[in-house]
Amino acid sequence: MSAWGDRFRSGTDVSDMPVHTLTEIITIPRSTPITPWSLIARRFAYAMLLMVLVATLVYIDRDGYSEPLTYIDALYYSAVSLSTTGYGDITPVTQGARLVNIFLITPARVAFLMLLVGTTLSVLTEDSRKTLQIQQWRQSVRNHTIVIGYGTKGRSAIDALLAGGAAPSSIVVVDTDAVSLSQAENRGLVTVHGDATKSGVLRIAGVSRARSVVVAPSSDDTAVLVTLSVRELAPSAMIVASARESENQHLLMQSGADSVVVSAETTGRLLGLATVTPPVVEMMEDLLSPDEGFAVAERPTADDEVGANPRHLADIVLGVVRSGELYRIDAPEAEAVEPGDRILYVRMTKPVEQADD
């Protein structure tokens, strides 16, 4: 077991650990993943290029060696010299050729060996790159969204965020399951491996600077503990939590959640509607699927819409958000649009196909 794992189990605050020890906890995806075979091919190509370069230098000074050299001879000399084989059949004899060997070919020999047997160096370089990347990310991350739990609910929440225009780099996934985190990483998401009930793990995820936190673990008791920890560390962050049972909704609200979605109760309502009015369920699924048909969205108020009745706007308006408070379309406060309001409306996610003439 790794040293960081021992510290993690012993209760040490992982947020206080040195940055270089967090490479197994935080994963920041590469924009273009590099496969091991491509790394080997690239290293081999560099070695061959270096060998050709040295051969060219030797050929230019071909009169300074123990026998006249063709370019093939120069390549042969370059290969045996850079690989430190050194048969001794071709040797530099003039002062100029020996100086070239001392100041050019010897450093090239070292570089050649580093390219061919530099696995350890490559690992150290990769660790250093990851450490620097993590350090820069922790210093610059702001206004991001943290999703705790990459199960069905967490993945669906991320789908909605991405469909709404959020950048993958602005989403941080916290989970204890390595397989789930690997799936999140493949989508370009930043991942943190750890238990979100621990404040140190939340600090690593930058919770104090997060804009919003989605709490979607597999159990309600875990959701309550996570919500308490998040609210303590991030008083101004928006917390949206998921509860399996409705009787736990008030616990999450008391723990600091701004909004609670009861999954079991919502599913039950849809099941009941499906037995009576199936088209309603189909429409609800359409509205909740960000990439299909219709979707519920929010937008700022246009200048020419100020003072107008939301019912008379071109969009299908569901409500008005004013100073963080939602007023439904039938509320008296939503009779007229005011400056600074945001419109909650039904948006088309796909353009309407025009009929043929």
Protein backbone atom coordinates (compact mmCIF):
# COMPACT_ATOMS: atom_id res chain seq x y z
CA MET A 1 0.00 0.00 0.00
CA SER A 2 1.31 3.47 -0.84
CA ALA A 3 2.49 5.90 1.80
CA TRP A 4 -0.28 8.39 1.03
CA GLY A 5 -2.83 5.61 1.57
CA ASP A 6 -1.37 4.89 5.01
CA ARG A 7 -1.60 8.57 5.92
CA PHE A 8 -5.11 8.74 4.55
CA ARG A 9 -6.32 5.84 6.68
CA SER A 10 -4.56 7.14 9.76
CA GLY A 11 -6.68 10.29 9.68
CA THR A 12 -3.99 12.74 8.56
CA ASP A 13 -5.37 15.84 6.83
CA VAL A 14 -4.30 15.13 3.26
CA SER A 15 -4.67 18.79 2.31
CA ASP A 16 -1.59 19.51 4.43
CA MET A 17 0.54 16.94 2.58
CA PRO A 18 3.25 18.17 0.16
CA VAL A 19 2.08 18.70 -3.40
CA HIS A 20 4.29 15.93 -4.83
CA THR A 21 2.46 13.36 -2.66
CA LEU A 22 -0.92 14.27 -4.21
CA THR A 23 -0.18 12.81 -7.65
CA GLU A 24 -2.07 9.64 -6.68
CA ILE A 25 -5.03 11.64 -5.34
CA ILE A 26 -5.59 14.39 -7.91
CA THR A 27 -5.75 13.57 -11.62
CA ILE A 28 -5.80 16.35 -14.19
CA PRO A 29 -6.41 14.86 -17.65
CA ARG A 30 -4.08 15.59 -20.54
CA SER A 31 -5.60 17.44 -23.46
CA THR A 32 -4.03 14.83 -25.77
CA PRO A 33 -3.28 11.53 -24.01
CA ILE A 34 0.06 9.93 -24.97
CA THR A 35 0.27 6.14 -25.25
CA PRO A 36 3.37 4.20 -24.11
CA TRP A 37 4.01 3.04 -27.68
CA SER A 38 4.01 6.60 -28.98
CA LEU A 39 6.48 7.59 -26.26
CA ILE A 40 8.79 4.72 -27.24
CA ALA A 41 8.51 5.60 -30.92
CA ARG A 42 9.24 9.26 -30.23
CA ARG A 43 12.29 8.42 -28.09
CA PHE A 44 13.63 6.04 -30.73
CA ALA A 45 13.16 8.68 -33.43
CA TYR A 46 15.11 11.22 -31.36
CA ALA A 47 17.93 8.69 -30.90
CA MET A 48 18.12 7.97 -34.64
CA LEU A 49 18.07 11.69 -35.42
CA LEU A 50 20.94 12.26 -33.00
CA MET A 51 22.91 9.42 -34.57
CA VAL A 52 22.47 10.89 -38.07
CA LEU A 53 23.49 14.33 -36.78
CA VAL A 54 26.69 12.97 -35.26
CA ALA A 55 27.44 11.00 -38.44
CA THR A 56 27.07 14.18 -40.47
CA LEU A 57 29.53 16.01 -38.20
CA VAL A 58 32.03 13.15 -38.50
CA TYR A 59 31.64 13.04 -42.28
CA ILE A 60 32.28 16.77 -42.56
CA ASP A 61 35.61 16.22 -40.74
CA ARG A 62 36.26 12.84 -42.45
CA ASP A 63 39.92 13.68 -43.13
CA GLY A 64 40.68 13.80 -39.41
CA TYR A 65 40.24 10.05 -38.83
CA SER A 66 42.52 7.02 -39.13
CA GLU A 67 41.16 6.15 -42.57
CA PRO A 68 39.14 7.86 -45.31
CA LEU A 69 35.44 7.75 -44.44
CA THR A 70 32.34 7.34 -46.56
CA TYR A 71 29.00 8.46 -45.10
CA ILE A 72 28.24 4.82 -44.28
CA ASP A 73 31.51 4.69 -42.36
CA ALA A 74 30.47 7.86 -40.53
CA LEU A 75 27.14 6.29 -39.60
CA TYR A 76 28.94 3.16 -38.41
CA TYR A 77 31.34 5.24 -36.30
CA SER A 78 28.42 7.24 -34.91
CA ALA A 79 26.53 4.10 -33.93
CA VAL A 80 29.43 2.35 -32.18
CA SER A 81 30.53 5.57 -30.46
CA LEU A 82 27.13 6.67 -29.18
CA SER A 83 26.31 3.16 -27.97
CA THR A 84 29.74 3.06 -26.18
CA THR A 85 30.66 -0.12 -28.08
CA GLY A 86 33.86 1.45 -29.43
CA TYR A 87 35.54 -1.22 -31.61
CA GLY A 88 38.51 1.06 -32.20
CA ASP A 89 38.79 0.39 -35.94
CA ILE A 90 38.04 4.05 -36.69
CA THR A 91 39.68 6.65 -34.45
CA PRO A 92 40.15 10.42 -34.55
CA VAL A 93 43.77 11.32 -35.21
CA THR A 94 43.84 15.08 -35.80
CA GLN A 95 43.45 17.68 -33.09
CA GLY A 96 40.26 19.03 -34.63
CA ALA A 97 38.61 15.60 -34.81
CA ARG A 98 39.51 14.88 -31.20
CA LEU A 99 38.08 18.21 -30.08
CA VAL A 100 34.83 17.38 -31.91
CA ASN A 101 34.73 14.05 -30.05
CA ILE A 102 35.35 15.70 -26.68
CA PHE A 103 32.92 18.60 -26.92
CA LEU A 104 30.24 17.30 -29.27
CA ILE A 105 30.21 13.52 -29.58
CA THR A 106 30.72 12.79 -25.86
CA PRO A 107 27.73 14.93 -24.77
CA ALA A 108 25.75 13.38 -27.65
CA ARG A 109 26.70 9.92 -26.33
CA VAL A 110 25.28 10.80 -22.92
CA ALA A 111 22.09 12.15 -24.52
CA PHE A 112 21.82 9.01 -26.67
CA LEU A 113 22.00 6.73 -23.65
CA MET A 114 19.48 8.85 -21.78
CA LEU A 115 17.05 8.51 -24.69
CA LEU A 116 17.41 4.74 -24.96
CA VAL A 117 17.58 3.76 -21.29
CA GLY A 118 15.83 6.76 -19.77
CA THR A 119 12.81 4.95 -18.32
CA THR A 120 13.62 6.04 -14.79
CA LEU A 121 14.25 9.59 -15.97
CA SER A 122 10.97 9.53 -17.86
CA VAL A 123 9.08 8.45 -14.73
CA LEU A 124 10.73 11.17 -12.66
CA THR A 125 9.95 13.75 -15.33
CA GLU A 126 6.33 12.61 -15.49
CA ASP A 127 5.98 12.87 -11.71
CA SER A 128 7.50 16.35 -11.78
CA ARG A 129 5.12 17.38 -14.56
CA LYS A 130 2.14 16.09 -12.61
CA THR A 131 3.33 17.82 -9.44
CA LEU A 132 3.73 21.16 -11.24
CA GLN A 133 0.36 20.73 -12.96
CA ILE A 134 -1.39 19.99 -9.67
CA GLN A 135 0.28 22.94 -7.97
CA GLN A 136 -0.77 25.32 -10.74
CA TRP A 137 -4.31 23.92 -10.74
CA ARG A 138 -4.73 24.32 -6.99
CA GLN A 139 -3.54 27.93 -7.19
CA SER A 140 -5.76 28.89 -10.12
CA VAL A 141 -8.98 26.91 -9.66
CA ARG A 142 -11.95 29.22 -9.08
CA ASN A 143 -15.75 29.13 -9.49
CA HIS A 144 -15.76 25.45 -10.37
CA THR A 145 -18.36 22.79 -9.66
CA ILE A 146 -17.56 19.84 -7.41
CA VAL A 147 -19.55 16.64 -7.96
CA ILE A 148 -19.31 14.23 -5.04
CA GLY A 149 -20.09 10.71 -6.18
CA TYR A 150 -19.72 9.49 -9.76
CA GLY A 151 -22.63 7.07 -9.71
CA THR A 152 -25.76 7.30 -11.84
CA LYS A 153 -26.86 10.57 -10.23
CA GLY A 154 -23.44 12.17 -10.39
CA ARG A 155 -22.93 11.23 -14.04
CA SER A 156 -26.37 12.55 -14.96
CA ALA A 157 -25.63 15.83 -13.19
CA ILE A 158 -22.38 16.17 -15.12
CA ASP A 159 -24.17 15.42 -18.39
CA ALA A 160 -26.53 18.31 -17.68
CA LEU A 161 -23.62 20.62 -16.76
CA LEU A 162 -21.71 19.82 -19.94
CA ALA A 163 -24.84 20.19 -22.06
CA GLY A 164 -25.38 23.58 -20.44
CA GLY A 165 -22.00 24.78 -21.66
CA ALA A 166 -19.75 24.03 -18.68
CA ALA A 167 -16.16 23.19 -19.56
CA PRO A 168 -14.93 19.75 -18.44
CA SER A 169 -11.97 21.43 -16.73
CA SER A 170 -14.40 23.37 -14.50
CA ILE A 171 -15.83 20.17 -13.00
CA VAL A 172 -14.10 18.24 -10.20
CA VAL A 173 -15.27 14.71 -9.34
CA VAL A 174 -14.66 13.33 -5.84
CA ASP A 175 -15.09 9.59 -5.29
CA THR A 176 -13.45 6.64 -3.57
CA ASP A 177 -13.86 4.23 -6.48
CA ALA A 178 -10.83 4.16 -8.80
CA VAL A 179 -12.81 2.70 -11.72
CA SER A 180 -15.40 5.49 -11.55
CA LEU A 181 -12.67 8.12 -11.37
CA SER A 182 -10.97 6.59 -14.41
CA GLN A 183 -14.22 6.93 -16.35
CA ALA A 184 -14.52 10.56 -15.25
CA GLU A 185 -10.92 11.23 -16.26
CA ASN A 186 -11.61 9.84 -19.73
CA ARG A 187 -14.28 12.53 -20.11
CA GLY A 188 -11.70 15.24 -19.40
CA LEU A 189 -12.80 15.86 -15.81
CA VAL A 190 -10.48 16.64 -12.91
CA THR A 191 -10.73 13.89 -10.30
CA VAL A 192 -9.91 13.63 -6.60
CA HIS A 193 -9.60 10.18 -5.04
CA GLY A 194 -10.85 10.30 -1.46
CA ASP A 195 -13.69 10.30 1.05
CA ALA A 196 -15.66 13.55 0.74
CA THR A 197 -16.75 13.36 4.39
CA LYS A 198 -13.16 14.31 5.28
CA SER A 199 -12.47 18.04 5.20
CA GLY A 200 -8.94 17.50 3.87
CA VAL A 201 -10.25 15.86 0.71
CA LEU A 202 -12.72 18.71 0.17
CA ARG A 203 -9.91 21.25 0.60
CA ILE A 204 -7.88 19.45 -2.05
CA ALA A 205 -10.87 19.77 -4.39
CA GLY A 206 -10.87 23.54 -3.74
CA VAL A 207 -14.26 23.60 -2.05
CA SER A 208 -13.68 27.00 -0.44
CA ARG A 209 -13.44 28.58 -3.93
CA ALA A 210 -16.12 26.47 -5.62
CA ARG A 211 -19.21 28.06 -7.12
CA SER A 212 -21.41 25.02 -6.52
CA VAL A 213 -21.27 21.52 -5.05
CA VAL A 214 -23.40 18.58 -6.16
CA VAL A 215 -23.74 16.01 -3.36
CA ALA A 216 -24.72 12.69 -4.92
CA PRO A 217 -23.34 9.78 -2.85
CA SER A 218 -25.03 6.39 -2.67
CA SER A 219 -26.53 6.84 0.82
CA ASP A 220 -28.43 9.61 2.59
CA ASP A 221 -26.35 9.51 5.77
CA THR A 222 -23.21 10.11 3.73
CA ALA A 223 -24.96 12.96 1.93
CA VAL A 224 -25.76 14.62 5.27
CA LEU A 225 -22.17 14.33 6.51
CA VAL A 226 -20.77 15.66 3.24
CA THR A 227 -23.22 18.56 3.18
CA LEU A 228 -22.26 19.55 6.74
CA SER A 229 -18.57 19.50 5.84
CA VAL A 230 -19.06 21.43 2.61
CA ARG A 231 -21.19 24.13 4.25
CA GLU A 232 -18.61 24.59 7.01
CA LEU A 233 -15.75 25.02 4.54
CA ALA A 234 -17.67 26.93 1.85
CA PRO A 235 -20.35 29.18 3.39
CA SER A 236 -21.17 30.90 0.08
CA ALA A 237 -21.19 27.89 -2.26
CA MET A 238 -24.46 26.62 -3.69
CA ILE A 239 -25.07 23.07 -2.46
CA VAL A 240 -27.45 20.80 -4.35
CA ALA A 241 -27.92 17.46 -2.63
CA SER A 242 -29.63 14.22 -3.54
CA ALA A 243 -31.74 12.21 -1.10
CA ARG A 244 -33.12 8.75 -1.69
CA GLU A 245 -35.95 9.13 0.83
CA SER A 246 -38.15 12.18 1.41
CA GLU A 247 -37.89 11.92 5.22
CA ASN A 248 -34.21 12.84 4.94
CA GLN A 249 -34.85 15.98 2.95
CA HIS A 250 -35.14 18.21 6.02
CA LEU A 251 -31.88 16.81 7.42
CA LEU A 252 -30.04 17.86 4.29
CA MET A 253 -31.67 21.29 4.35
CA GLN A 254 -30.69 21.73 8.00
CA SER A 255 -27.16 20.60 7.13
CA GLY A 256 -26.81 23.51 4.72
CA ALA A 257 -28.12 22.33 1.34
CA ASP A 258 -29.70 25.06 -0.81
CA SER A 259 -31.73 22.53 -2.76
CA VAL A 260 -32.57 18.85 -2.28
CA VAL A 261 -33.75 16.46 -4.97
CA VAL A 262 -35.58 13.40 -3.63
CA SER A 263 -34.82 10.63 -6.12
CA ALA A 264 -37.17 7.94 -4.82
CA GLU A 265 -40.13 10.29 -4.53
CA THR A 266 -39.53 11.81 -7.95
CA THR A 267 -39.27 8.38 -9.53
CA GLY A 268 -42.47 7.30 -7.82
CA ARG A 269 -44.35 10.30 -9.16
CA LEU A 270 -43.17 9.57 -12.69
CA LEU A 271 -44.22 5.95 -12.32
CA GLY A 272 -47.69 7.07 -11.20
CA LEU A 273 -47.99 9.51 -14.09
CA ALA A 274 -46.88 6.83 -16.53
CA THR A 275 -49.88 4.67 -15.61
CA VAL A 276 -52.34 7.51 -16.17
CA THR A 277 -50.85 9.88 -18.74
CA PRO A 278 -47.78 8.33 -20.44
CA PRO A 279 -47.20 11.34 -22.76
CA VAL A 280 -46.59 13.53 -19.70
CA VAL A 281 -43.74 11.27 -18.59
CA GLU A 282 -42.31 11.30 -22.08
CA MET A 283 -42.37 15.10 -22.10
CA MET A 284 -40.78 15.28 -18.64
CA GLU A 285 -37.98 12.97 -19.77
CA ASP A 286 -37.52 15.15 -22.82
CA LEU A 287 -37.19 18.27 -20.66
CA LEU A 288 -34.71 16.56 -18.37
CA SER A 289 -32.58 15.20 -21.22
CA PRO A 290 -30.24 18.07 -22.16
CA ASP A 291 -29.37 16.81 -25.63
CA GLU A 292 -32.78 15.85 -26.94
CA GLY A 293 -35.78 17.91 -28.03
CA PHE A 294 -36.57 20.48 -25.33
CA ALA A 295 -34.73 21.51 -22.18
CA VAL A 296 -35.36 23.89 -19.29
CA ALA A 297 -32.81 26.70 -19.42
CA GLU A 298 -32.08 30.09 -17.89
CA ARG A 299 -30.99 33.25 -19.68
CA PRO A 300 -30.52 36.95 -18.89
CA THR A 301 -33.23 39.46 -19.69
CA ALA A 302 -32.82 41.41 -22.92
CA ASP A 303 -33.06 45.22 -22.79
CA ASP A 304 -36.21 45.29 -24.90
CA GLU A 305 -37.91 42.79 -22.56
CA VAL A 306 -37.73 44.98 -19.43
CA GLY A 307 -41.25 45.96 -18.34
CA ALA A 308 -42.94 43.31 -20.49
CA ASN A 309 -45.14 40.54 -19.20
CA PRO A 310 -43.20 37.23 -19.34
CA ARG A 311 -46.27 35.53 -20.81
CA HIS A 312 -45.95 37.72 -23.91
CA LEU A 313 -42.30 36.91 -24.65
CA ALA A 314 -41.33 34.80 -27.64
CA ASP A 315 -40.05 32.00 -25.43
CA ILE A 316 -42.17 29.61 -23.38
CA VAL A 317 -41.46 31.19 -19.99
CA LEU A 318 -41.82 29.15 -16.81
CA GLY A 319 -40.73 31.74 -14.28
CA VAL A 320 -38.53 34.70 -13.40
CA VAL A 321 -35.44 34.55 -11.20
CA ARG A 322 -35.00 37.80 -9.26
CA SER A 323 -32.23 38.29 -6.67
CA GLY A 324 -31.79 34.54 -6.47
CA GLU A 325 -35.50 33.93 -5.84
CA LEU A 326 -37.65 32.02 -8.34
CA TYR A 327 -41.12 33.39 -9.12
CA ARG A 328 -43.36 31.14 -11.18
CA ILE A 329 -45.13 32.59 -14.17
CA ASP A 330 -48.42 32.79 -12.21
CA ALA A 331 -46.89 34.70 -9.27
CA PRO A 332 -47.78 38.40 -8.84
CA GLU A 333 -44.07 39.25 -8.70
CA ALA A 334 -43.68 37.91 -12.24
CA GLU A 335 -46.21 40.24 -13.83
CA ALA A 336 -43.45 42.37 -15.35
CA VAL A 337 -39.78 41.75 -16.13
CA GLU A 338 -37.39 43.98 -14.18
CA PRO A 339 -33.75 44.89 -14.95
CA GLY A 340 -31.41 42.18 -13.75
CA ASP A 341 -34.02 39.41 -13.89
CA ARG A 342 -33.23 36.06 -15.43
CA ILE A 343 -35.78 34.18 -17.49
CA LEU A 344 -36.48 30.49 -16.88
CA TYR A 345 -37.81 29.10 -20.15
CA VAL A 346 -38.15 26.03 -22.38
CA ARG A 347 -35.30 25.91 -24.89
CA MET A 348 -35.07 23.94 -28.10
CA THR A 349 -31.94 21.77 -27.98
CA LYS A 350 -32.19 20.92 -31.67
CA PRO A 351 -33.25 23.18 -34.55
CA VAL A 352 -36.71 22.55 -35.94
CA GLU A 353 -36.57 20.87 -39.34
CA GLN A 354 -38.44 22.92 -41.90
CA ALA A 355 -40.95 21.12 -44.05
CA ASP A 356 -40.24 20.78 -47.80
CA ASP A 357 -42.10 23.16 -50.05
